[in-house]
């Protein structure tokens, strides 16, 4: 989750580390800039192995919302798709 915090910081938009909350797969990891007491990485690690990964980031600066969809750009994905032309 540290890389998520880094990405938020590098986004160039207002953000306050002390208000940042992050969850993955419905599991709360941080709340108001601090790791959640008793946080267990096990269910998050299992979620990260799935075909879809749900990450929620609350920057704590209002009620606005956005959804971002992305895709797999790993080496395996590129190899699969390099074998044909569309």
C-alpha atoms as a PDB file:
ATOM      1  CA  UNK A   1       0.000   0.000   0.000  1.00  0.00           C
ATOM      2  CA  UNK A   2       3.028   2.257   0.260  1.00  0.00           C
ATOM      3  CA  UNK A   3       3.153   2.584  -3.521  1.00  0.00           C
ATOM      4  CA  UNK A   4      -0.453   3.749  -3.514  1.00  0.00           C
ATOM      5  CA  UNK A   5       0.445   6.496  -1.042  1.00  0.00           C
ATOM      6  CA  UNK A   6       3.386   7.430  -3.279  1.00  0.00           C
ATOM      7  CA  UNK A   7       1.149   7.567  -6.375  1.00  0.00           C
ATOM      8  CA  UNK A   8      -1.345   9.817  -4.591  1.00  0.00           C
ATOM      9  CA  UNK A   9       1.486  12.134  -3.597  1.00  0.00           C
ATOM     10  CA  UNK A  10       2.873  12.272  -7.141  1.00  0.00           C
ATOM     11  CA  UNK A  11      -0.520  12.920  -8.751  1.00  0.00           C
ATOM     12  CA  UNK A  12      -0.012  16.653  -8.499  1.00  0.00           C
ATOM     13  CA  UNK A  13      -3.371  17.234  -6.828  1.00  0.00           C
ATOM     14  CA  UNK A  14      -4.098  18.380  -3.275  1.00  0.00           C
ATOM     15  CA  UNK A  15      -3.782  15.529  -0.790  1.00  0.00           C
ATOM     16  CA  UNK A  16      -3.154  15.287   2.931  1.00  0.00           C
ATOM     17  CA  UNK A  17      -1.318  12.200   4.114  1.00  0.00           C
ATOM     18  CA  UNK A  18      -2.983  12.507   7.519  1.00  0.00           C
ATOM     19  CA  UNK A  19      -6.451  12.140   5.954  1.00  0.00           C
ATOM     20  CA  UNK A  20      -5.628   9.333   3.523  1.00  0.00           C
ATOM     21  CA  UNK A  21      -7.547   6.054   3.859  1.00  0.00           C
ATOM     22  CA  UNK A  22      -6.910   2.964   1.709  1.00  0.00           C
ATOM     23  CA  UNK A  23      -8.670  -0.375   1.354  1.00  0.00           C
ATOM     24  CA  UNK A  24      -8.172  -3.347  -0.958  1.00  0.00           C
ATOM     25  CA  UNK A  25     -10.768  -5.992  -1.598  1.00  0.00           C
ATOM     26  CA  UNK A  26     -12.983  -4.365   1.018  1.00  0.00           C
ATOM     27  CA  UNK A  27     -10.304  -4.663   3.724  1.00  0.00           C
ATOM     28  CA  UNK A  28      -9.422  -1.347   5.370  1.00  0.00           C
ATOM     29  CA  UNK A  29      -5.632  -0.929   5.465  1.00  0.00           C
ATOM     30  CA  UNK A  30      -5.184   2.690   6.523  1.00  0.00           C
ATOM     31  CA  UNK A  31      -7.498   5.248   8.060  1.00  0.00           C
ATOM     32  CA  UNK A  32      -6.615   8.924   8.448  1.00  0.00           C
ATOM     33  CA  UNK A  33      -3.004   8.318   7.449  1.00  0.00           C
ATOM     34  CA  UNK A  34      -2.386   5.487   9.925  1.00  0.00           C
ATOM     35  CA  UNK A  35      -2.401   1.731   9.518  1.00  0.00           C
ATOM     36  CA  UNK A  36      -5.565   0.223  10.958  1.00  0.00           C
ATOM     37  CA  UNK A  37      -4.864  -1.444  14.327  1.00  0.00           C
ATOM     38  CA  UNK A  38      -4.850  -5.213  13.920  1.00  0.00           C
ATOM     39  CA  UNK A  39      -4.516  -5.007  10.118  1.00  0.00           C
ATOM     40  CA  UNK A  40      -3.936  -8.500   8.694  1.00  0.00           C
ATOM     41  CA  UNK A  41      -2.281  -8.610   5.276  1.00  0.00           C
ATOM     42  CA  UNK A  42      -3.461 -12.184   4.550  1.00  0.00           C
ATOM     43  CA  UNK A  43      -6.871 -11.394   2.968  1.00  0.00           C
ATOM     44  CA  UNK A  44      -5.391  -8.503   0.982  1.00  0.00           C
ATOM     45  CA  UNK A  45      -2.607 -10.739  -0.369  1.00  0.00           C
ATOM     46  CA  UNK A  46      -5.223 -13.308  -1.424  1.00  0.00           C
ATOM     47  CA  UNK A  47      -7.297 -10.587  -3.111  1.00  0.00           C
ATOM     48  CA  UNK A  48      -4.213  -9.381  -5.024  1.00  0.00           C
ATOM     49  CA  UNK A  49      -3.866 -12.840  -6.620  1.00  0.00           C
ATOM     50  CA  UNK A  50      -7.352 -12.642  -8.138  1.00  0.00           C
ATOM     51  CA  UNK A  51      -8.282 -11.639 -11.690  1.00  0.00           C
ATOM     52  CA  UNK A  52      -9.594  -8.251 -10.527  1.00  0.00           C
ATOM     53  CA  UNK A  53      -8.146  -6.034  -7.834  1.00  0.00           C
ATOM     54  CA  UNK A  54     -10.354  -3.498  -6.089  1.00  0.00           C
ATOM     55  CA  UNK A  55      -8.492  -0.579  -4.525  1.00  0.00           C
ATOM     56  CA  UNK A  56     -10.302   2.270  -2.779  1.00  0.00           C
ATOM     57  CA  UNK A  57      -8.497   5.483  -1.891  1.00  0.00           C
ATOM     58  CA  UNK A  58     -10.143   8.227   0.145  1.00  0.00           C
ATOM     59  CA  UNK A  59      -8.020  11.379   0.215  1.00  0.00           C
ATOM     60  CA  UNK A  60     -10.341  12.889   2.817  1.00  0.00           C
ATOM     61  CA  UNK A  61     -10.804  16.218   1.053  1.00  0.00           C
ATOM     62  CA  UNK A  62     -14.463  16.193   0.086  1.00  0.00           C
ATOM     63  CA  UNK A  63     -17.298  14.126  -1.315  1.00  0.00           C
ATOM     64  CA  UNK A  64     -16.150  13.798  -4.936  1.00  0.00           C
ATOM     65  CA  UNK A  65     -15.800  10.321  -6.443  1.00  0.00           C
ATOM     66  CA  UNK A  66     -14.105   8.776  -9.440  1.00  0.00           C
ATOM     67  CA  UNK A  67     -13.715   5.274 -10.828  1.00  0.00           C
ATOM     68  CA  UNK A  68     -10.612   4.248 -12.742  1.00  0.00           C
ATOM     69  CA  UNK A  69     -10.372   1.088 -14.804  1.00  0.00           C
ATOM     70  CA  UNK A  70      -7.022  -0.237 -15.931  1.00  0.00           C
ATOM     71  CA  UNK A  71      -5.716  -3.456 -17.425  1.00  0.00           C
ATOM     72  CA  UNK A  72      -2.932  -5.985 -17.166  1.00  0.00           C
ATOM     73  CA  UNK A  73       0.194  -4.715 -18.896  1.00  0.00           C
ATOM     74  CA  UNK A  74       2.532  -7.353 -17.534  1.00  0.00           C
ATOM     75  CA  UNK A  75       5.147  -9.082 -19.651  1.00  0.00           C
ATOM     76  CA  UNK A  76       2.788 -12.072 -20.035  1.00  0.00           C
ATOM     77  CA  UNK A  77      -0.013  -9.894 -21.409  1.00  0.00           C
ATOM     78  CA  UNK A  78       2.315  -8.302 -23.935  1.00  0.00           C
ATOM     79  CA  UNK A  79       3.651 -11.704 -25.078  1.00  0.00           C
ATOM     80  CA  UNK A  80       0.125 -13.059 -25.601  1.00  0.00           C
ATOM     81  CA  UNK A  81      -0.958 -10.046 -27.622  1.00  0.00           C
ATOM     82  CA  UNK A  82       2.230  -9.706 -29.666  1.00  0.00           C
ATOM     83  CA  UNK A  83       1.487 -12.957 -31.523  1.00  0.00           C
ATOM     84  CA  UNK A  84      -1.270 -11.588 -33.756  1.00  0.00           C
ATOM     85  CA  UNK A  85      -2.296  -8.517 -35.713  1.00  0.00           C
ATOM     86  CA  UNK A  86      -5.693  -6.920 -35.560  1.00  0.00           C
END
